[in-house]
């Protein structure tokens, strides 16, 4: 089975490389657009915030609860990296993977709110997103036998900057890979509807996917955007899987968790917009992307 997965992975990346050779200009344009989006919408809001979160996480001691809060602040895959320093049973790892597999609040309050032109939009979606993560954790109860290892010692500002820089670069590469993959599919299937392309981008990489979704302005945009961010995209999911590997979790374990999170948070956001339509109207009063 492992050998088959290796061959399948090689085949997929071989196909992607071949498509890039067949459509080099389109691949370069997609990568450039993703990199521009990264520079304008990700680095300015996430960069400084990530440094603050790293500085904070090294000073929390061995308690689980503040680490969960810090994981929410860091966002994926930062939260999963924090829990690498804990010795967790597989059952407990599933629980914390469900609770902490979230996007950074700065993505919602800074990036998404900026795209929508109103801070209320990002706040509403973020609250549904975090609440959905907490409810998803209830589907994966703990076995009450949490064991912790020694926490990492506090880091200096210089060390925090050096720690965050590679993470930001990985985010950039993931965004470019997702954008190029989606563009190659579009080149191969030129009649593919814009909605299908946006959905594909959301599945591959959440930042570009959310931007594409916002550009379409579909009905029930807020719930759809909340669900997309809660799934978080395959690029983040695979990064989380690397961090949870020592606890026995695989991507196959994380995909159902994120799908449950997407459904729950999307429903919460849908109910909010249906029950309180004036909130949604207020949130999108300054919409413009």
Protein backbone atom coordinates (compact mmCIF):
# COMPACT_ATOMS: atom_id res chain seq x y z
CA UNK A 1 0.00 0.00 0.00
CA UNK A 2 2.82 2.39 0.88
CA UNK A 3 4.52 1.61 -2.42
CA UNK A 4 1.29 2.33 -4.29
CA UNK A 5 0.96 5.71 -2.53
CA UNK A 6 4.52 6.53 -3.51
CA UNK A 7 3.86 5.70 -7.16
CA UNK A 8 0.60 7.68 -7.11
CA UNK A 9 2.32 10.73 -5.63
CA UNK A 10 5.08 10.55 -8.21
CA UNK A 11 2.51 10.22 -11.01
CA UNK A 12 0.52 13.25 -9.82
CA UNK A 13 3.57 15.48 -9.56
CA UNK A 14 4.81 14.17 -12.89
CA UNK A 15 1.51 15.13 -14.50
CA UNK A 16 1.71 18.56 -12.90
CA UNK A 17 5.28 19.07 -14.11
CA UNK A 18 4.25 18.00 -17.62
CA UNK A 19 1.30 20.40 -17.59
CA UNK A 20 3.60 23.25 -16.54
CA UNK A 21 5.86 22.46 -19.48
CA UNK A 22 2.83 22.46 -21.79
CA UNK A 23 1.48 25.75 -20.39
CA UNK A 24 4.55 27.59 -19.05
CA UNK A 25 3.15 31.12 -19.30
CA UNK A 26 -0.10 30.23 -17.57
CA UNK A 27 1.82 28.45 -14.80
CA UNK A 28 4.10 31.45 -14.29
CA UNK A 29 1.14 33.85 -14.23
CA UNK A 30 -0.69 31.73 -11.63
CA UNK A 31 2.40 31.52 -9.42
CA UNK A 32 2.96 35.27 -9.72
CA UNK A 33 -0.64 36.03 -8.76
CA UNK A 34 -0.38 33.74 -5.74
CA UNK A 35 2.88 35.35 -4.67
CA UNK A 36 1.34 38.81 -5.01
CA UNK A 37 -1.61 37.71 -2.89
CA UNK A 38 0.83 36.32 -0.31
CA UNK A 39 2.80 39.57 -0.18
CA UNK A 40 -0.25 41.81 0.04
CA UNK A 41 -2.70 39.80 2.14
CA UNK A 42 -0.75 37.24 4.17
CA UNK A 43 2.62 38.61 5.24
CA UNK A 44 1.45 42.06 6.46
CA UNK A 45 -1.14 40.60 8.84
CA UNK A 46 0.26 37.17 9.74
CA UNK A 47 3.98 37.91 9.90
CA UNK A 48 4.14 40.17 12.99
CA UNK A 49 1.33 38.22 14.67
CA UNK A 50 3.18 34.90 14.21
CA UNK A 51 6.26 36.35 15.91
CA UNK A 52 4.16 37.46 18.89
CA UNK A 53 2.54 34.01 19.12
CA UNK A 54 5.93 32.24 19.08
CA UNK A 55 7.24 34.55 21.80
CA UNK A 56 4.15 33.78 23.87
CA UNK A 57 4.10 30.01 23.33
CA UNK A 58 7.56 29.56 24.82
CA UNK A 59 6.42 31.07 28.10
CA UNK A 60 3.29 29.07 28.85
CA UNK A 61 4.69 26.25 30.95
CA UNK A 62 3.31 22.72 30.61
CA UNK A 63 -0.41 23.45 30.90
CA UNK A 64 -2.61 22.30 28.01
CA UNK A 65 -5.30 25.00 28.19
CA UNK A 66 -3.14 28.06 27.41
CA UNK A 67 -1.49 26.09 24.62
CA UNK A 68 -4.91 25.53 23.02
CA UNK A 69 -5.52 29.29 23.12
CA UNK A 70 -2.08 29.95 21.65
CA UNK A 71 -2.77 27.37 18.92
CA UNK A 72 -5.92 29.32 18.05
CA UNK A 73 -3.85 32.49 17.89
CA UNK A 74 -1.13 30.92 15.74
CA UNK A 75 -3.45 29.13 13.34
CA UNK A 76 -2.54 26.05 11.31
CA UNK A 77 0.01 24.58 11.13
CA UNK A 78 1.39 26.60 14.06
CA UNK A 79 -1.06 25.01 16.48
CA UNK A 80 -0.01 21.51 15.47
CA UNK A 81 3.63 22.48 15.94
CA UNK A 82 2.90 23.60 19.50
CA UNK A 83 1.43 20.20 20.36
CA UNK A 84 4.46 18.38 19.00
CA UNK A 85 6.06 19.00 22.39
CA UNK A 86 3.34 16.98 24.18
CA UNK A 87 3.21 13.22 24.43
CA UNK A 88 -0.39 12.47 23.50
CA UNK A 89 -2.24 9.23 22.97
CA UNK A 90 -3.68 8.81 19.50
CA UNK A 91 -7.20 9.41 20.81
CA UNK A 92 -6.21 12.62 22.53
CA UNK A 93 -4.23 13.73 19.48
CA UNK A 94 -7.41 13.39 17.41
CA UNK A 95 -9.23 15.61 19.90
CA UNK A 96 -6.62 18.36 19.87
CA UNK A 97 -6.21 18.12 16.11
CA UNK A 98 -9.94 18.82 15.86
CA UNK A 99 -9.93 21.69 18.36
CA UNK A 100 -6.76 23.45 17.20
CA UNK A 101 -6.85 22.93 13.42
CA UNK A 102 -7.98 26.51 12.88
CA UNK A 103 -6.98 29.52 10.84
CA UNK A 104 -5.30 32.46 12.56
CA UNK A 105 -7.74 35.14 13.76
CA UNK A 106 -5.60 37.67 11.91
CA UNK A 107 -6.55 36.00 8.64
CA UNK A 108 -10.22 36.72 9.35
CA UNK A 109 -9.89 40.05 11.15
CA UNK A 110 -7.18 41.41 8.86
CA UNK A 111 -7.20 39.72 5.45
CA UNK A 112 -10.85 38.68 5.04
CA UNK A 113 -12.17 41.85 6.65
CA UNK A 114 -9.98 43.88 4.33
CA UNK A 115 -11.28 42.04 1.27
CA UNK A 116 -14.86 42.59 2.40
CA UNK A 117 -14.30 46.17 3.41
CA UNK A 118 -15.86 45.75 6.86
CA UNK A 119 -14.37 44.33 10.10
CA UNK A 120 -17.74 42.85 11.14
CA UNK A 121 -17.56 40.26 8.36
CA UNK A 122 -14.25 38.80 9.48
CA UNK A 123 -15.36 38.76 13.12
CA UNK A 124 -18.62 36.92 12.39
CA UNK A 125 -16.88 34.28 10.28
CA UNK A 126 -14.07 33.88 12.81
CA UNK A 127 -16.49 33.32 15.72
CA UNK A 128 -18.35 30.63 13.75
CA UNK A 129 -15.02 29.10 12.76
CA UNK A 130 -13.72 28.84 16.35
CA UNK A 131 -17.07 27.65 17.71
CA UNK A 132 -17.16 25.00 15.00
CA UNK A 133 -13.71 23.78 16.02
CA UNK A 134 -14.79 23.44 19.65
CA UNK A 135 -17.92 21.50 18.66
CA UNK A 136 -15.89 19.28 16.32
CA UNK A 137 -13.68 18.37 19.27
CA UNK A 138 -16.74 16.90 21.00
CA UNK A 139 -16.94 14.31 18.23
CA UNK A 140 -13.48 13.10 19.26
CA UNK A 141 -13.58 12.77 23.06
CA UNK A 142 -10.40 12.47 25.10
CA UNK A 143 -9.38 9.42 27.11
CA UNK A 144 -8.31 11.61 30.07
CA UNK A 145 -4.76 10.25 30.07
CA UNK A 146 -2.86 13.22 28.73
CA UNK A 147 0.87 13.13 29.36
CA UNK A 148 3.01 16.15 28.71
CA UNK A 149 6.65 16.45 27.89
CA UNK A 150 8.85 19.37 28.82
CA UNK A 151 7.87 22.54 27.05
CA UNK A 152 10.35 24.35 24.86
CA UNK A 153 12.22 27.05 26.71
CA UNK A 154 11.44 30.69 25.96
CA UNK A 155 12.99 32.02 22.77
CA UNK A 156 14.52 35.38 22.00
CA UNK A 157 13.04 37.80 19.49
CA UNK A 158 15.81 36.93 17.06
CA UNK A 159 15.03 33.21 17.37
CA UNK A 160 11.31 33.89 16.93
CA UNK A 161 11.98 35.84 13.74
CA UNK A 162 14.16 33.03 12.40
CA UNK A 163 11.45 30.50 13.30
CA UNK A 164 8.64 32.39 11.55
CA UNK A 165 10.50 33.27 8.36
CA UNK A 166 10.61 29.66 7.02
CA UNK A 167 6.92 29.22 7.88
CA UNK A 168 5.99 32.26 5.83
CA UNK A 169 8.08 30.92 2.93
CA UNK A 170 6.31 27.56 3.16
CA UNK A 171 2.96 29.37 3.03
CA UNK A 172 4.11 31.16 -0.13
CA UNK A 173 5.17 27.92 -1.79
CA UNK A 174 1.90 26.23 -0.83
CA UNK A 175 -0.09 29.11 -2.27
CA UNK A 176 1.89 28.97 -5.52
CA UNK A 177 1.55 25.18 -5.79
CA UNK A 178 -2.19 25.39 -5.23
CA UNK A 179 -2.63 28.23 -7.72
CA UNK A 180 -0.53 26.54 -10.39
CA UNK A 181 -2.34 23.21 -9.91
CA UNK A 182 -5.72 24.88 -10.27
CA UNK A 183 -4.60 26.83 -13.34
CA UNK A 184 -3.29 23.66 -15.01
CA UNK A 185 -6.67 22.01 -14.46
CA UNK A 186 -8.30 25.06 -16.01
CA UNK A 187 -5.97 24.85 -19.01
CA UNK A 188 -6.81 21.17 -19.44
CA UNK A 189 -10.54 21.79 -18.94
CA UNK A 190 -11.19 25.29 -20.32
CA UNK A 191 -14.97 24.92 -20.07
CA UNK A 192 -14.85 24.27 -16.33
CA UNK A 193 -17.25 26.72 -14.60
CA UNK A 194 -15.80 29.47 -12.43
CA UNK A 195 -17.62 28.05 -9.41
CA UNK A 196 -15.92 24.68 -9.89
CA UNK A 197 -12.55 26.42 -10.20
CA UNK A 198 -13.13 28.33 -6.97
CA UNK A 199 -14.11 25.11 -5.21
CA UNK A 200 -10.96 23.41 -6.50
CA UNK A 201 -8.81 26.28 -5.25
CA UNK A 202 -10.48 26.09 -1.82
CA UNK A 203 -9.70 22.38 -1.65
CA UNK A 204 -6.06 22.87 -2.67
CA UNK A 205 -5.09 26.09 -0.83
CA UNK A 206 -7.38 28.14 1.33
CA UNK A 207 -6.07 31.71 0.86
CA UNK A 208 -6.28 31.73 -2.93
CA UNK A 209 -9.49 29.71 -2.71
CA UNK A 210 -11.11 32.21 -0.37
CA UNK A 211 -10.06 35.06 -2.66
CA UNK A 212 -11.54 33.26 -5.67
CA UNK A 213 -14.74 32.59 -3.74
CA UNK A 214 -15.04 36.22 -2.73
CA UNK A 215 -14.54 37.32 -6.34
CA UNK A 216 -17.55 35.26 -7.43
CA UNK A 217 -19.85 36.75 -4.77
CA UNK A 218 -22.10 33.65 -4.67
CA UNK A 219 -25.29 33.40 -2.62
CA UNK A 220 -24.63 32.59 1.04
CA UNK A 221 -21.08 33.82 0.66
CA UNK A 222 -20.38 34.03 4.40
CA UNK A 223 -21.29 30.39 5.18
CA UNK A 224 -19.37 29.15 2.13
CA UNK A 225 -16.32 31.18 3.08
CA UNK A 226 -16.52 29.97 6.68
CA UNK A 227 -16.76 26.34 5.54
CA UNK A 228 -13.83 26.73 3.14
CA UNK A 229 -11.61 28.24 5.84
CA UNK A 230 -12.62 25.53 8.31
CA UNK A 231 -11.59 22.80 5.86
CA UNK A 232 -8.37 24.85 5.44
CA UNK A 233 -7.19 23.23 2.20
CA UNK A 234 -4.94 20.27 1.46
CA UNK A 235 -1.75 22.31 1.70
CA UNK A 236 -2.33 23.20 5.37
CA UNK A 237 -3.79 19.78 6.12
CA UNK A 238 -0.63 18.05 4.90
CA UNK A 239 1.54 20.41 6.96
CA UNK A 240 -0.53 19.56 10.04
CA UNK A 241 -0.15 15.85 9.28
CA UNK A 242 3.63 16.17 9.48
CA UNK A 243 3.35 17.69 12.95
CA UNK A 244 0.89 15.03 14.19
CA UNK A 245 2.82 12.08 12.73
CA UNK A 246 4.52 11.18 16.02
CA UNK A 247 1.08 10.86 17.65
CA UNK A 248 0.02 8.34 15.00
CA UNK A 249 -2.20 10.60 12.90
CA UNK A 250 -2.16 10.57 9.11
CA UNK A 251 -3.79 12.80 6.46
CA UNK A 252 -6.54 10.18 6.23
CA UNK A 253 -7.35 10.90 9.91
CA UNK A 254 -7.29 14.67 9.48
CA UNK A 255 -9.48 14.96 6.36
CA UNK A 256 -12.70 13.76 8.12
CA UNK A 257 -11.98 16.09 11.04
CA UNK A 258 -11.69 19.09 8.80
CA UNK A 259 -14.77 18.09 6.78
CA UNK A 260 -16.82 17.88 10.00
CA UNK A 261 -15.44 21.26 11.06
CA UNK A 262 -16.35 22.75 7.66
CA UNK A 263 -19.93 21.49 7.83
CA UNK A 264 -20.50 22.62 11.42
CA UNK A 265 -18.99 26.09 11.07
CA UNK A 266 -20.73 26.61 7.73
CA UNK A 267 -24.10 25.71 9.26
CA UNK A 268 -23.45 28.00 12.23
CA UNK A 269 -22.66 30.87 9.90
CA UNK A 270 -25.71 30.08 7.73
CA UNK A 271 -28.00 30.10 10.77
CA UNK A 272 -26.50 33.38 11.92
CA UNK A 273 -27.07 35.05 8.57
CA UNK A 274 -30.63 33.68 8.35
CA UNK A 275 -31.64 34.51 11.92
CA UNK A 276 -29.87 37.88 12.00
CA UNK A 277 -29.91 39.16 8.41
CA UNK A 278 -29.15 42.72 9.51
CA UNK A 279 -25.76 41.51 10.81
CA UNK A 280 -24.86 40.03 7.45
CA UNK A 281 -26.07 43.16 5.67
CA UNK A 282 -23.96 45.32 7.98
CA UNK A 283 -20.95 43.08 7.55
CA UNK A 284 -21.05 43.39 3.77
CA UNK A 285 -21.95 47.05 3.58
CA UNK A 286 -18.42 47.87 2.47
CA UNK A 287 -17.89 44.81 0.28
CA UNK A 288 -15.35 45.32 -2.43
CA UNK A 289 -12.55 43.11 -3.71
